C-alpha atoms as a PDB file:
ATOM      1  CA  MET A   1      46.473  44.492 -15.915  1.00  0.00           C
ATOM      2  CA  ARG A   2      43.000  45.755 -15.221  1.00  0.00           C
ATOM      3  CA  ASN A   3      41.972  45.356 -18.856  1.00  0.00           C
ATOM      4  CA  GLN A   4      43.257  41.769 -18.908  1.00  0.00           C
ATOM      5  CA  PHE A   5      41.228  40.959 -15.803  1.00  0.00           C
ATOM      6  CA  LEU A   6      38.091  42.412 -17.344  1.00  0.00           C
ATOM      7  CA  LYS A   7      38.552  40.177 -20.363  1.00  0.00           C
ATOM      8  CA  PHE A   8      38.155  37.099 -18.149  1.00  0.00           C
ATOM      9  CA  VAL A   9      35.054  38.369 -16.311  1.00  0.00           C
ATOM     10  CA  PRO A  10      32.506  37.328 -18.993  1.00  0.00           C
ATOM     11  CA  SER A  11      34.042  33.869 -19.238  1.00  0.00           C
ATOM     12  CA  VAL A  12      33.942  33.412 -15.472  1.00  0.00           C
ATOM     13  CA  LEU A  13      30.307  34.531 -15.337  1.00  0.00           C
ATOM     14  CA  ILE A  14      29.377  32.066 -18.078  1.00  0.00           C
ATOM     15  CA  VAL A  15      31.068  29.211 -16.208  1.00  0.00           C
ATOM     16  CA  ILE A  16      29.236  30.149 -12.994  1.00  0.00           C
ATOM     17  CA  ALA A  17      25.902  30.367 -14.825  1.00  0.00           C
ATOM     18  CA  LEU A  18      26.393  26.944 -16.404  1.00  0.00           C
ATOM     19  CA  ALA A  19      27.361  25.460 -13.051  1.00  0.00           C
ATOM     20  CA  LEU A  20      24.206  26.858 -11.453  1.00  0.00           C
ATOM     21  CA  LEU A  21      22.093  25.211 -14.165  1.00  0.00           C
ATOM     22  CA  PHE A  22      23.422  21.793 -13.205  1.00  0.00           C
ATOM     23  CA  ILE A  23      23.042  22.208  -9.444  1.00  0.00           C
ATOM     24  CA  PRO A  24      20.024  20.113  -8.395  1.00  0.00           C
ATOM     25  CA  LYS A  25      17.081  22.310  -7.475  1.00  0.00           C
ATOM     26  CA  THR A  26      15.327  21.141  -4.324  1.00  0.00           C
ATOM     27  CA  VAL A  27      11.635  21.682  -3.697  1.00  0.00           C
ATOM     28  CA  SER A  28      10.784  22.528  -0.113  1.00  0.00           C
ATOM     29  CA  PHE A  29       7.827  21.537   2.026  1.00  0.00           C
ATOM     30  CA  LEU A  30       6.767  25.194   2.013  1.00  0.00           C
ATOM     31  CA  ASP A  31       6.780  25.249  -1.818  1.00  0.00           C
ATOM     32  CA  VAL A  32       4.404  22.284  -1.935  1.00  0.00           C
ATOM     33  CA  GLU A  33       2.124  23.722   0.764  1.00  0.00           C
ATOM     34  CA  LYS A  34       1.837  26.961  -1.213  1.00  0.00           C
ATOM     35  CA  PHE A  35       1.015  24.990  -4.366  1.00  0.00           C
ATOM     36  CA  PHE A  36      -2.002  23.319  -2.756  1.00  0.00           C
ATOM     37  CA  ALA A  37      -3.064  26.445  -0.866  1.00  0.00           C
ATOM     38  CA  SER A  38      -3.915  28.261  -4.121  1.00  0.00           C
ATOM     39  CA  THR A  39      -6.513  26.314  -6.083  1.00  0.00           C
ATOM     40  CA  ASP A  40      -8.076  27.451  -9.350  1.00  0.00           C
ATOM     41  CA  ALA A  41     -11.717  27.303 -10.397  1.00  0.00           C
ATOM     42  CA  TYR A  42     -12.289  24.865 -13.252  1.00  0.00           C
ATOM     43  CA  PHE A  43     -15.408  24.820 -15.406  1.00  0.00           C
ATOM     44  CA  GLN A  44     -17.585  21.717 -15.436  1.00  0.00           C
ATOM     45  CA  PRO A  45     -20.318  21.719 -18.093  1.00  0.00           C
ATOM     46  CA  ALA A  46     -23.629  20.098 -17.239  1.00  0.00           C
ATOM     47  CA  GLN A  47     -24.136  16.548 -18.433  1.00  0.00           C
ATOM     48  CA  LYS A  48     -27.042  16.582 -20.839  1.00  0.00           C
ATOM     49  CA  ALA A  49     -29.243  13.505 -21.040  1.00  0.00           C
ATOM     50  CA  LEU A  50     -31.609  12.744 -23.887  1.00  0.00           C
ATOM     51  CA  PHE A  51     -34.148  10.820 -21.837  1.00  0.00           C
ATOM     52  CA  ASN A  52     -33.699  12.279 -18.353  1.00  0.00           C
ATOM     53  CA  SER A  53     -35.310  15.672 -17.888  1.00  0.00           C
ATOM     54  CA  ALA A  54     -33.844  16.150 -14.393  1.00  0.00           C
ATOM     55  CA  ALA A  55     -30.302  15.688 -15.681  1.00  0.00           C
ATOM     56  CA  SER A  56     -30.880  17.956 -18.656  1.00  0.00           C
ATOM     57  CA  ASN A  57     -31.842  20.788 -16.285  1.00  0.00           C
ATOM     58  CA  ARG A  58     -28.615  20.486 -14.307  1.00  0.00           C
ATOM     59  CA  GLU A  59     -26.571  23.691 -14.355  1.00  0.00           C
ATOM     60  CA  ASP A  60     -22.959  24.245 -15.267  1.00  0.00           C
ATOM     61  CA  TYR A  61     -20.657  24.842 -12.323  1.00  0.00           C
ATOM     62  CA  TYR A  62     -17.086  25.556 -11.229  1.00  0.00           C
ATOM     63  CA  TYR A  63     -15.031  23.373  -8.890  1.00  0.00           C
ATOM     64  CA  PRO A  64     -11.693  23.946  -7.077  1.00  0.00           C
ATOM     65  CA  GLY A  65      -8.650  22.086  -8.346  1.00  0.00           C
ATOM     66  CA  VAL A  66      -4.940  22.207  -9.172  1.00  0.00           C
ATOM     67  CA  ARG A  67      -2.927  21.091 -12.168  1.00  0.00           C
ATOM     68  CA  ILE A  68      -1.071  18.370 -10.299  1.00  0.00           C
ATOM     69  CA  GLY A  69       1.239  17.739 -13.271  1.00  0.00           C
ATOM     70  CA  LYS A  70       2.934  21.112 -12.712  1.00  0.00           C
ATOM     71  CA  LEU A  71       3.982  20.003  -9.231  1.00  0.00           C
ATOM     72  CA  TRP A  72       5.055  16.560 -10.428  1.00  0.00           C
ATOM     73  CA  LYS A  73       7.265  18.196 -13.029  1.00  0.00           C
ATOM     74  CA  LYS A  74       9.016  20.234 -10.330  1.00  0.00           C
ATOM     75  CA  LEU A  75       9.437  17.093  -8.228  1.00  0.00           C
ATOM     76  CA  ASP A  76      10.715  15.125 -11.243  1.00  0.00           C
ATOM     77  CA  ILE A  77       7.771  12.720 -11.050  1.00  0.00           C
ATOM     78  CA  GLY A  78       6.634  11.427 -14.404  1.00  0.00           C
ATOM     79  CA  ALA A  79       8.610  12.958 -17.266  1.00  0.00           C
ATOM     80  CA  GLY A  80       6.571  10.745 -19.583  1.00  0.00           C
ATOM     81  CA  PHE A  81       6.786   7.935 -17.008  1.00  0.00           C
ATOM     82  CA  SER A  82       9.290   5.160 -17.506  1.00  0.00           C
ATOM     83  CA  GLY A  83       8.464   1.651 -18.622  1.00  0.00           C
ATOM     84  CA  ARG A  84       9.459   0.511 -15.149  1.00  0.00           C
ATOM     85  CA  GLU A  85       6.701   2.573 -13.548  1.00  0.00           C
ATOM     86  CA  ARG A  86       4.198   1.348 -16.115  1.00  0.00           C
ATOM     87  CA  HIS A  87       5.172  -2.205 -15.217  1.00  0.00           C
ATOM     88  CA  HIS A  88       4.253  -1.587 -11.579  1.00  0.00           C
ATOM     89  CA  ILE A  89       0.813  -0.410 -12.669  1.00  0.00           C
ATOM     90  CA  ALA A  90       0.065  -3.241 -15.060  1.00  0.00           C
ATOM     91  CA  LEU A  91      -2.965  -3.144 -17.353  1.00  0.00           C
ATOM     92  CA  ARG A  92      -3.714   0.501 -16.531  1.00  0.00           C
ATOM     93  CA  ASP A  93      -3.642   3.480 -18.858  1.00  0.00           C
ATOM     94  CA  GLU A  94      -3.739   5.932 -15.980  1.00  0.00           C
ATOM     95  CA  TYR A  95      -1.518   7.069 -13.168  1.00  0.00           C
ATOM     96  CA  LEU A  96      -2.795   8.598  -9.914  1.00  0.00           C
ATOM     97  CA  PHE A  97      -5.954  10.733  -9.877  1.00  0.00           C
ATOM     98  CA  GLY A  98      -6.927   9.691 -13.407  1.00  0.00           C
ATOM     99  CA  CYS A  99      -3.818  11.291 -14.928  1.00  0.00           C
ATOM    100  CA  GLY A 100      -2.587   9.772 -18.177  1.00  0.00           C
ATOM    101  CA  PHE A 101       0.977   8.544 -18.545  1.00  0.00           C
ATOM    102  CA  VAL A 102       1.750  10.762 -21.533  1.00  0.00           C
ATOM    103  CA  ASN A 103      -0.129  14.034 -21.093  1.00  0.00           C
ATOM    104  CA  TYR A 104      -0.044  14.136 -17.318  1.00  0.00           C
ATOM    105  CA  SER A 105       1.122  17.764 -17.211  1.00  0.00           C
ATOM    106  CA  SER A 106      -2.378  19.018 -17.945  1.00  0.00           C
ATOM    107  CA  CYS A 107      -4.098  16.710 -15.444  1.00  0.00           C
ATOM    108  CA  ILE A 108      -6.375  18.396 -12.905  1.00  0.00           C
ATOM    109  CA  LEU A 109      -6.691  17.105  -9.337  1.00  0.00           C
ATOM    110  CA  PRO A 110     -10.213  18.103  -8.235  1.00  0.00           C
ATOM    111  CA  TYR A 111     -11.042  19.049  -4.656  1.00  0.00           C
ATOM    112  CA  PRO A 112      -7.451  18.549  -3.416  1.00  0.00           C
ATOM    113  CA  VAL A 113      -6.900  17.481   0.204  1.00  0.00           C
ATOM    114  CA  VAL A 114      -3.554  17.485   2.020  1.00  0.00           C
ATOM    115  CA  LYS A 115      -2.621  16.023   5.398  1.00  0.00           C
ATOM    116  CA  GLU A 116       0.700  16.427   7.219  1.00  0.00           C
ATOM    117  CA  TYR A 117       2.791  13.906   9.179  1.00  0.00           C
ATOM    118  CA  GLU A 118       6.040  14.620  11.011  1.00  0.00           C
ATOM    119  CA  LEU A 119       8.484  12.568  13.068  1.00  0.00           C
ATOM    120  CA  GLY A 120      12.064  13.578  13.794  1.00  0.00           C
ATOM    121  CA  GLU A 121      13.896  14.669  10.667  1.00  0.00           C
ATOM    122  CA  TYR A 122      11.199  13.449   8.263  1.00  0.00           C
ATOM    123  CA  ARG A 123       7.897  14.856   7.067  1.00  0.00           C
ATOM    124  CA  ALA A 124       5.221  13.446   4.794  1.00  0.00           C
ATOM    125  CA  LEU A 125       2.396  15.211   3.002  1.00  0.00           C
ATOM    126  CA  GLN A 126      -0.577  13.051   2.045  1.00  0.00           C
ATOM    127  CA  VAL A 127      -2.202  14.241  -1.178  1.00  0.00           C
ATOM    128  CA  SER A 128      -5.667  13.064  -2.198  1.00  0.00           C
ATOM    129  CA  SER A 129      -8.974  14.229  -3.616  1.00  0.00           C
ATOM    130  CA  SER A 130     -12.272  14.486  -1.765  1.00  0.00           C
ATOM    131  CA  SER A 131     -13.933  13.355  -4.988  1.00  0.00           C
ATOM    132  CA  GLN A 132     -14.902   9.685  -4.793  1.00  0.00           C
ATOM    133  CA  ARG A 133     -13.945   9.285  -8.442  1.00  0.00           C
ATOM    134  CA  PHE A 134     -10.253   9.213  -7.534  1.00  0.00           C
ATOM    135  CA  PRO A 135      -9.593   7.003  -4.460  1.00  0.00           C
ATOM    136  CA  ASP A 136      -5.812   7.388  -4.927  1.00  0.00           C
ATOM    137  CA  TYR A 137      -3.277   8.711  -2.416  1.00  0.00           C
ATOM    138  CA  GLN A 138       0.249  10.053  -2.749  1.00  0.00           C
ATOM    139  CA  TYR A 139       2.722  10.609   0.092  1.00  0.00           C
ATOM    140  CA  LEU A 140       5.399  13.206  -0.656  1.00  0.00           C
ATOM    141  CA  LEU A 141       8.438  12.736   1.605  1.00  0.00           C
ATOM    142  CA  PHE A 142      10.721  15.462   2.960  1.00  0.00           C
ATOM    143  CA  LYS A 143      13.882  15.455   5.057  1.00  0.00           C
ATOM    144  CA  TYR A 144      15.108  18.321   7.183  1.00  0.00           C
ATOM    145  CA  GLU A 145      18.171  19.960   5.713  1.00  0.00           C
ATOM    146  CA  PRO A 146      19.852  23.130   6.987  1.00  0.00           C
ATOM    147  CA  LYS A 147      17.041  25.698   7.326  1.00  0.00           C
ATOM    148  CA  THR A 148      14.479  23.830   5.182  1.00  0.00           C
ATOM    149  CA  TRP A 149      12.554  20.599   4.529  1.00  0.00           C
ATOM    150  CA  SER A 150      13.611  19.188   1.142  1.00  0.00           C
ATOM    151  CA  TYR A 151      11.630  16.751  -1.011  1.00  0.00           C
ATOM    152  CA  PHE A 152      13.356  13.450  -1.842  1.00  0.00           C
ATOM    153  CA  GLY A 153      10.775  10.786  -2.746  1.00  0.00           C
ATOM    154  CA  ARG A 154       7.225   9.517  -2.719  1.00  0.00           C
ATOM    155  CA  ILE A 155       4.925   6.574  -1.956  1.00  0.00           C
ATOM    156  CA  ASP A 156       1.914   5.949  -4.209  1.00  0.00           C
ATOM    157  CA  VAL A 157      -1.250   4.117  -3.171  1.00  0.00           C
ATOM    158  CA  PHE A 158      -3.707   3.247  -5.936  1.00  0.00           C
ATOM    159  CA  ASP A 159      -7.468   2.757  -5.883  1.00  0.00           C
ATOM    160  CA  ASN A 160      -7.905   2.583  -2.111  1.00  0.00           C
ATOM    161  CA  LYS A 161     -11.683   2.344  -1.847  1.00  0.00           C
ATOM    162  CA  LYS A 162     -13.487   2.244   1.508  1.00  0.00           C
ATOM    163  CA  GLY A 163     -11.548   4.955   3.321  1.00  0.00           C
ATOM    164  CA  GLU A 164      -8.051   6.368   3.283  1.00  0.00           C
ATOM    165  CA  PRO A 165      -4.938   4.267   3.988  1.00  0.00           C
ATOM    166  CA  VAL A 166      -3.423   4.137   7.477  1.00  0.00           C
ATOM    167  CA  PHE A 167      -0.050   5.870   7.149  1.00  0.00           C
ATOM    168  CA  LYS A 168       2.595   6.134   9.891  1.00  0.00           C
ATOM    169  CA  LEU A 169       6.083   7.591  10.085  1.00  0.00           C
ATOM    170  CA  LEU A 170       8.237   5.283  12.214  1.00  0.00           C
ATOM    171  CA  ASP A 171      11.606   5.853  13.847  1.00  0.00           C
ATOM    172  CA  ASN A 172      14.921   5.687  11.980  1.00  0.00           C
ATOM    173  CA  GLY A 173      13.595   6.426   8.503  1.00  0.00           C
ATOM    174  CA  PHE A 174      10.720   3.965   8.223  1.00  0.00           C
ATOM    175  CA  ALA A 175       7.093   4.383   7.217  1.00  0.00           C
ATOM    176  CA  SER A 176       4.191   1.933   7.103  1.00  0.00           C
ATOM    177  CA  VAL A 177       1.074   2.063   4.931  1.00  0.00           C
ATOM    178  CA  VAL A 178      -1.963  -0.159   5.416  1.00  0.00           C
ATOM    179  CA  SER A 179      -4.071  -0.039   2.265  1.00  0.00           C
ATOM    180  CA  LEU A 180      -6.646  -2.030   0.355  1.00  0.00           C
ATOM    181  CA  ALA A 181      -5.209  -4.791  -1.813  1.00  0.00           C
ATOM    182  CA  GLY A 182      -8.433  -6.291  -3.136  1.00  0.00           C
ATOM    183  CA  MET A 183     -12.129  -6.644  -2.446  1.00  0.00           C
ATOM    184  CA  GLY A 184     -15.218  -8.237  -3.904  1.00  0.00           C
ATOM    185  CA  ASP A 185     -18.301 -10.223  -2.981  1.00  0.00           C
ATOM    186  CA  GLY A 186     -17.346 -12.226   0.086  1.00  0.00           C
ATOM    187  CA  TYR A 187     -13.695 -11.203   0.419  1.00  0.00           C
ATOM    188  CA  SER A 188     -11.389  -8.279   1.168  1.00  0.00           C
ATOM    189  CA  THR A 189      -7.667  -7.915   1.866  1.00  0.00           C
ATOM    190  CA  ARG A 190      -5.604  -5.045   3.278  1.00  0.00           C
ATOM    191  CA  PHE A 191      -1.804  -5.226   3.118  1.00  0.00           C
ATOM    192  CA  MET A 192       0.764  -3.480   5.265  1.00  0.00           C
ATOM    193  CA  GLN A 193       3.777  -2.216   3.362  1.00  0.00           C
ATOM    194  CA  VAL A 194       6.913  -0.998   5.141  1.00  0.00           C
ATOM    195  CA  TYR A 195       9.246   1.465   3.429  1.00  0.00           C
ATOM    196  CA  HIS A 196      12.752   2.543   4.390  1.00  0.00           C
ATOM    197  CA  PHE A 197      14.290   5.859   3.311  1.00  0.00           C
ATOM    198  CA  ASP A 198      17.498   7.781   3.913  1.00  0.00           C
ATOM    199  CA  GLY A 199      16.580  11.213   2.599  1.00  0.00           C
ATOM    200  CA  LYS A 200      17.677  10.303  -0.938  1.00  0.00           C
ATOM    201  CA  SER A 201      15.622   7.257  -1.969  1.00  0.00           C
ATOM    202  CA  VAL A 202      12.582   5.222  -0.870  1.00  0.00           C
ATOM    203  CA  ASN A 203      12.583   1.397  -0.826  1.00  0.00           C
ATOM    204  CA  LEU A 204       9.848  -1.140  -0.097  1.00  0.00           C
ATOM    205  CA  VAL A 205      11.249  -3.630   2.447  1.00  0.00           C
ATOM    206  CA  LEU A 206       8.180  -5.619   3.548  1.00  0.00           C
ATOM    207  CA  ALA A 207       4.631  -6.403   2.366  1.00  0.00           C
ATOM    208  CA  VAL A 208       2.351  -8.663   4.440  1.00  0.00           C
ATOM    209  CA  PRO A 209      -1.412  -8.992   4.942  1.00  0.00           C
ATOM    210  CA  ASN A 210      -2.716  -6.845   7.776  1.00  0.00           C
ATOM    211  CA  GLU A 211      -6.432  -7.642   7.542  1.00  0.00           C
ATOM    212  CA  ALA A 212      -8.238 -10.184   5.424  1.00  0.00           C
ATOM    213  CA  SER A 213     -11.589 -11.933   5.332  1.00  0.00           C
ATOM    214  CA  ARG A 214     -13.300 -14.495   3.157  1.00  0.00           C
ATOM    215  CA  ARG A 215     -16.845 -15.757   3.603  1.00  0.00           C
ATOM    216  CA  GLY A 216     -19.066 -18.048   1.583  1.00  0.00           C
ATOM    217  CA  LEU A 217     -16.494 -18.718  -1.167  1.00  0.00           C
ATOM    218  CA  GLY A 218     -15.709 -22.362  -0.439  1.00  0.00           C
ATOM    219  CA  LEU A 219     -15.290 -24.830   2.381  1.00  0.00           C
ATOM    220  CA  LEU A 220     -13.319 -22.498   4.619  1.00  0.00           C
ATOM    221  CA  ASP A 221     -14.026 -18.983   5.894  1.00  0.00           C
ATOM    222  CA  PHE A 222     -11.447 -16.881   7.722  1.00  0.00           C
ATOM    223  CA  ASP A 223     -10.799 -13.520   9.323  1.00  0.00           C
ATOM    224  CA  VAL A 224      -7.255 -12.217   9.835  1.00  0.00           C
ATOM    225  CA  THR A 225      -6.453  -9.136  11.914  1.00  0.00           C
ATOM    226  CA  GLY A 226      -2.952  -7.892  12.697  1.00  0.00           C
ATOM    227  CA  THR A 227      -1.381  -5.212  14.858  1.00  0.00           C
ATOM    228  CA  PHE A 228       2.231  -3.994  14.552  1.00  0.00           C
ATOM    229  CA  ASP A 229       4.744  -2.200  16.718  1.00  0.00           C
ATOM    230  CA  TYR A 230       8.146  -0.841  15.737  1.00  0.00           C
ATOM    231  CA  ALA A 231      10.869   0.212  18.176  1.00  0.00           C
ATOM    232  CA  ASN A 232      14.664   0.179  18.216  1.00  0.00           C
ATOM    233  CA  GLY A 233      14.964  -1.499  14.830  1.00  0.00           C
ATOM    234  CA  VAL A 234      12.559  -4.365  15.662  1.00  0.00           C
ATOM    235  CA  LEU A 235       9.168  -4.834  13.973  1.00  0.00           C
ATOM    236  CA  THR A 236       6.726  -7.097  15.835  1.00  0.00           C
ATOM    237  CA  GLY A 237       3.346  -8.240  14.600  1.00  0.00           C
ATOM    238  CA  THR A 238       0.548 -10.013  16.466  1.00  0.00           C
ATOM    239  CA  TYR A 239      -2.077 -11.830  14.406  1.00  0.00           C
ATOM    240  CA  LYS A 240      -5.458 -13.247  15.277  1.00  0.00           C
ATOM    241  CA  VAL A 241      -6.722 -15.807  12.754  1.00  0.00           C
ATOM    242  CA  THR A 242     -10.309 -17.034  13.070  1.00  0.00           C
ATOM    243  CA  PHE A 243     -11.532 -19.932  10.927  1.00  0.00           C
ATOM    244  CA  GLY A 244     -15.116 -20.848  10.204  1.00  0.00           C
ATOM    245  CA  ALA A 245     -17.271 -22.641   7.680  1.00  0.00           C
ATOM    246  CA  GLN A 246     -20.738 -22.497   6.219  1.00  0.00           C
ATOM    247  CA  GLU A 247     -23.168 -25.096   7.497  1.00  0.00           C
ATOM    248  CA  LEU A 248     -25.075 -26.445   4.520  1.00  0.00           C
ATOM    249  CA  VAL A 249     -28.748 -27.348   4.578  1.00  0.00           C
ATOM    250  CA  ASN A 250     -30.073 -28.969   1.409  1.00  0.00           C
ATOM    251  CA  GLY A 251     -26.865 -27.891  -0.325  1.00  0.00           C
ATOM    252  CA  ARG A 252     -27.200 -24.212   0.594  1.00  0.00           C
ATOM    253  CA  PRO A 253     -25.342 -22.170   3.216  1.00  0.00           C
ATOM    254  CA  ALA A 254     -27.606 -21.832   6.233  1.00  0.00           C
ATOM    255  CA  ARG A 255     -25.476 -20.345   9.012  1.00  0.00           C
ATOM    256  CA  SER A 256     -21.906 -19.662   9.991  1.00  0.00           C
ATOM    257  CA  LEU A 257     -20.106 -22.488  11.750  1.00  0.00           C
ATOM    258  CA  PRO A 258     -17.203 -21.281  13.972  1.00  0.00           C
ATOM    259  CA  LEU A 259     -14.212 -23.640  14.029  1.00  0.00           C
ATOM    260  CA  PHE A 260     -11.295 -22.185  16.042  1.00  0.00           C
ATOM    261  CA  THR A 261      -9.131 -19.098  16.616  1.00  0.00           C
ATOM    262  CA  ALA A 262      -5.318 -19.123  16.543  1.00  0.00           C
ATOM    263  CA  ASN A 263      -2.826 -16.428  17.536  1.00  0.00           C
ATOM    264  CA  ARG A 264       0.477 -15.972  15.733  1.00  0.00           C
ATOM    265  CA  HIS A 265       3.486 -13.690  16.197  1.00  0.00           C
ATOM    266  CA  LEU A 266       5.940 -12.280  13.670  1.00  0.00           C
ATOM    267  CA  THR A 267       9.232 -10.543  14.461  1.00  0.00           C
ATOM    268  CA  LEU A 268      11.716  -8.941  12.068  1.00  0.00           C
ATOM    269  CA  PHE A 269      14.776  -6.813  12.758  1.00  0.00           C
ATOM    270  CA  TRP A 270      16.636  -4.224  10.687  1.00  0.00           C
ATOM    271  CA  ASN A 271      20.235  -5.213  10.012  1.00  0.00           C
ATOM    272  CA  GLY A 272      21.164  -1.972   8.303  1.00  0.00           C
ATOM    273  CA  THR A 273      20.182  -3.000   4.789  1.00  0.00           C
ATOM    274  CA  ALA A 274      17.081  -5.205   5.104  1.00  0.00           C
ATOM    275  CA  LEU A 275      14.314  -6.403   7.417  1.00  0.00           C
ATOM    276  CA  VAL A 276      15.308  -9.914   8.468  1.00  0.00           C
ATOM    277  CA  PHE A 277      12.937 -12.601   9.728  1.00  0.00           C
ATOM    278  CA  ASP A 278      13.647 -13.747  13.294  1.00  0.00           C
ATOM    279  CA  PRO A 279      12.603 -17.418  13.667  1.00  0.00           C
ATOM    280  CA  ASP A 280      13.389 -17.519  17.388  1.00  0.00           C
ATOM    281  CA  ARG A 281      10.716 -14.934  18.164  1.00  0.00           C
ATOM    282  CA  SER A 282       8.175 -15.907  15.489  1.00  0.00           C
ATOM    283  CA  ASP A 283       5.737 -18.740  14.971  1.00  0.00           C
ATOM    284  CA  ILE A 284       4.697 -17.716  11.450  1.00  0.00           C
ATOM    285  CA  THR A 285       6.636 -16.402   8.437  1.00  0.00           C
ATOM    286  CA  PRO A 286       5.698 -13.491   6.149  1.00  0.00           C
ATOM    287  CA  ALA A 287       5.223 -16.009   3.313  1.00  0.00           C
ATOM    288  CA  ASP A 288       2.823 -18.104   5.420  1.00  0.00           C
ATOM    289  CA  LEU A 289       0.759 -15.011   6.222  1.00  0.00           C
ATOM    290  CA  THR A 290       0.288 -14.461   2.517  1.00  0.00           C
ATOM    291  CA  ARG A 291      -0.561 -18.141   1.986  1.00  0.00           C
ATOM    292  CA  ILE A 292      -3.469 -17.876   4.437  1.00  0.00           C
ATOM    293  CA  VAL A 293      -5.005 -15.338   2.087  1.00  0.00           C
ATOM    294  CA  THR A 294      -3.973 -16.801  -1.273  1.00  0.00           C
ATOM    295  CA  GLY A 295      -2.967 -20.414  -0.617  1.00  0.00           C
ATOM    296  CA  SER A 296      -4.714 -23.734  -1.081  1.00  0.00           C
ATOM    297  CA  TYR A 297      -6.587 -25.664   1.619  1.00  0.00           C
ATOM    298  CA  ALA A 298      -3.596 -28.015   1.833  1.00  0.00           C
ATOM    299  CA  ARG A 299      -1.217 -25.183   2.693  1.00  0.00           C
ATOM    300  CA  VAL A 300      -3.582 -23.673   5.262  1.00  0.00           C
ATOM    301  CA  TYR A 301      -4.117 -27.082   6.850  1.00  0.00           C
ATOM    302  CA  ALA A 302      -0.348 -27.582   7.074  1.00  0.00           C
ATOM    303  CA  MET A 303       0.099 -24.289   8.942  1.00  0.00           C
ATOM    304  CA  PHE A 304      -2.694 -24.962  11.475  1.00  0.00           C
ATOM    305  CA  ARG A 305      -2.737 -28.766  11.489  1.00  0.00           C
ATOM    306  CA  SER A 306      -2.857 -29.251  15.269  1.00  0.00           C
ATOM    307  CA  ASP A 307      -5.923 -27.007  15.512  1.00  0.00           C
ATOM    308  CA  PHE A 308      -7.682 -28.593  12.552  1.00  0.00           C
ATOM    309  CA  ASP A 309      -7.006 -32.133  13.800  1.00  0.00           C
ATOM    310  CA  LYS A 310      -8.865 -31.405  17.042  1.00  0.00           C
ATOM    311  CA  LEU A 311     -12.043 -31.288  14.954  1.00  0.00           C
ATOM    312  CA  GLN A 312     -11.797 -35.064  14.516  1.00  0.00           C
ATOM    313  CA  LYS A 313     -13.109 -35.339  18.073  1.00  0.00           C
ATOM    314  CA  ALA A 314     -15.901 -32.847  17.500  1.00  0.00           C
ATOM    315  CA  GLU A 315     -19.490 -33.979  17.187  1.00  0.00           C
ATOM    316  CA  GLY A 316     -22.148 -33.588  14.557  1.00  0.00           C
ATOM    317  CA  VAL A 317     -21.753 -31.002  11.828  1.00  0.00           C
ATOM    318  CA  LYS A 318     -18.150 -30.002  12.656  1.00  0.00           C
ATOM    319  CA  LYS A 319     -16.918 -33.582  12.444  1.00  0.00           C
ATOM    320  CA  GLU A 320     -18.702 -34.116   9.133  1.00  0.00           C
ATOM    321  CA  TRP A 321     -17.261 -30.860   7.795  1.00  0.00           C
ATOM    322  CA  PHE A 322     -13.727 -31.836   8.821  1.00  0.00           C
ATOM    323  CA  ALA A 323     -13.996 -35.177   7.013  1.00  0.00           C
ATOM    324  CA  GLU A 324     -14.965 -33.379   3.801  1.00  0.00           C
ATOM    325  CA  PHE A 325     -12.239 -30.749   4.307  1.00  0.00           C
ATOM    326  CA  LEU A 326      -9.556 -33.393   4.867  1.00  0.00           C
ATOM    327  CA  SER A 327     -10.533 -35.219   1.691  1.00  0.00           C
ATOM    328  CA  VAL A 328     -10.045 -32.019  -0.302  1.00  0.00           C
ATOM    329  CA  VAL A 329      -6.692 -31.406   1.433  1.00  0.00           C
ATOM    330  CA  LYS A 330      -5.509 -34.862   0.379  1.00  0.00           C
ATOM    331  CA  GLU A 331      -6.606 -34.272  -3.198  1.00  0.00           C
ATOM    332  CA  GLU A 332      -4.693 -30.996  -3.320  1.00  0.00           C
ATOM    333  CA  GLY A 333      -1.517 -32.118  -1.576  1.00  0.00           C
ATOM    334  CA  GLY A 334      -1.257 -35.866  -2.041  1.00  0.00           C
ATOM    335  CA  SER A 335      -0.763 -37.591   1.280  1.00  0.00           C
ATOM    336  CA  VAL A 336      -1.282 -35.465   4.377  1.00  0.00           C
ATOM    337  CA  SER A 337       2.383 -35.847   5.330  1.00  0.00           C
ATOM    338  CA  GLU A 338       3.420 -34.173   2.076  1.00  0.00           C
ATOM    339  CA  VAL A 339       1.595 -30.923   2.864  1.00  0.00           C
ATOM    340  CA  VAL A 340       2.989 -30.418   6.362  1.00  0.00           C
ATOM    341  CA  SER A 341       5.469 -27.519   6.292  1.00  0.00           C
ATOM    342  CA  ALA A 342       8.857 -27.914   7.938  1.00  0.00           C
ATOM    343  CA  PRO A 343       9.477 -25.331  10.672  1.00  0.00           C
ATOM    344  CA  PRO A 344      11.531 -22.338   9.506  1.00  0.00           C
ATOM    345  CA  SER A 345      15.207 -22.451  10.317  1.00  0.00           C
ATOM    346  CA  GLY A 346      17.767 -19.652  10.231  1.00  0.00           C
ATOM    347  CA  SER A 347      17.262 -15.986   9.477  1.00  0.00           C
ATOM    348  CA  GLN A 348      15.414 -15.256   6.268  1.00  0.00           C
ATOM    349  CA  ARG A 349      16.125 -12.127   4.239  1.00  0.00           C
ATOM    350  CA  LEU A 350      12.965 -10.711   2.710  1.00  0.00           C
END
């Protein structure tokens, strides 16, 4: 009997070994902290210049860094990167921190910086570089499991110039990120994105402008600033929208011409699967917030018509400006009545 039992032992051990291979391996918060705590010194040769003696005398040096691809491989990030991920980063040959899509495993993150966030059963680790060459940020997400914090997903923020994003962990498995969406001469836009996660996956559930400005790029200037609160499954936003124009002298902008300021409120609630627009507690929709930043004069006029129409009774430059503005609105939207938006009705799933 004993000999027969011993015959089955190797087979049982093989089955157990194979089963262990297919058990998902979790990476803990401690594992990731240790990874970034031990940086290596990487060699940077001096950049020689043919016509610049100062640059040619620059010395070689070493800088601290980590091979970020090794961590991504453990976290199952990348693996050659799918076409779906490439689609989200259109017209770019690089992923975060200058890492290529194909040979990312050898990519070095120079001067790594990590920052920790924690709320309830969730943790986030912000990963970035102090080098200004790579203004990218990655948020690695962890959920508390028995005796450990286990990694389950990530949020990527690309090319966030002018300071780091504003990241917050919110109650009930939500996080918000305010980051740069675009900037140039005379304009800038920062969007707030809200993510929901359950310890297994991460989903984007809302994206709306948080701050925006445009000056000297047409008839209308604006500044948009928003503040948000989240509690008990309800997200509320308060917006201040200030409109202005450029007073022209001999066809050139001479000074800023303030027009009016309007306040708007946005409320959404979580129904268990999505953030839903609440028209009863809102006087602007998420789509209209985006149209302020990207829409035509006709659309903006439709959203703030009562405020714009008060300029008909203004005097001097403001009245002249409004007449020109209204003519452009009519050209864009046909008759004025055609560009007036109907008030939102019913709950709107985003």
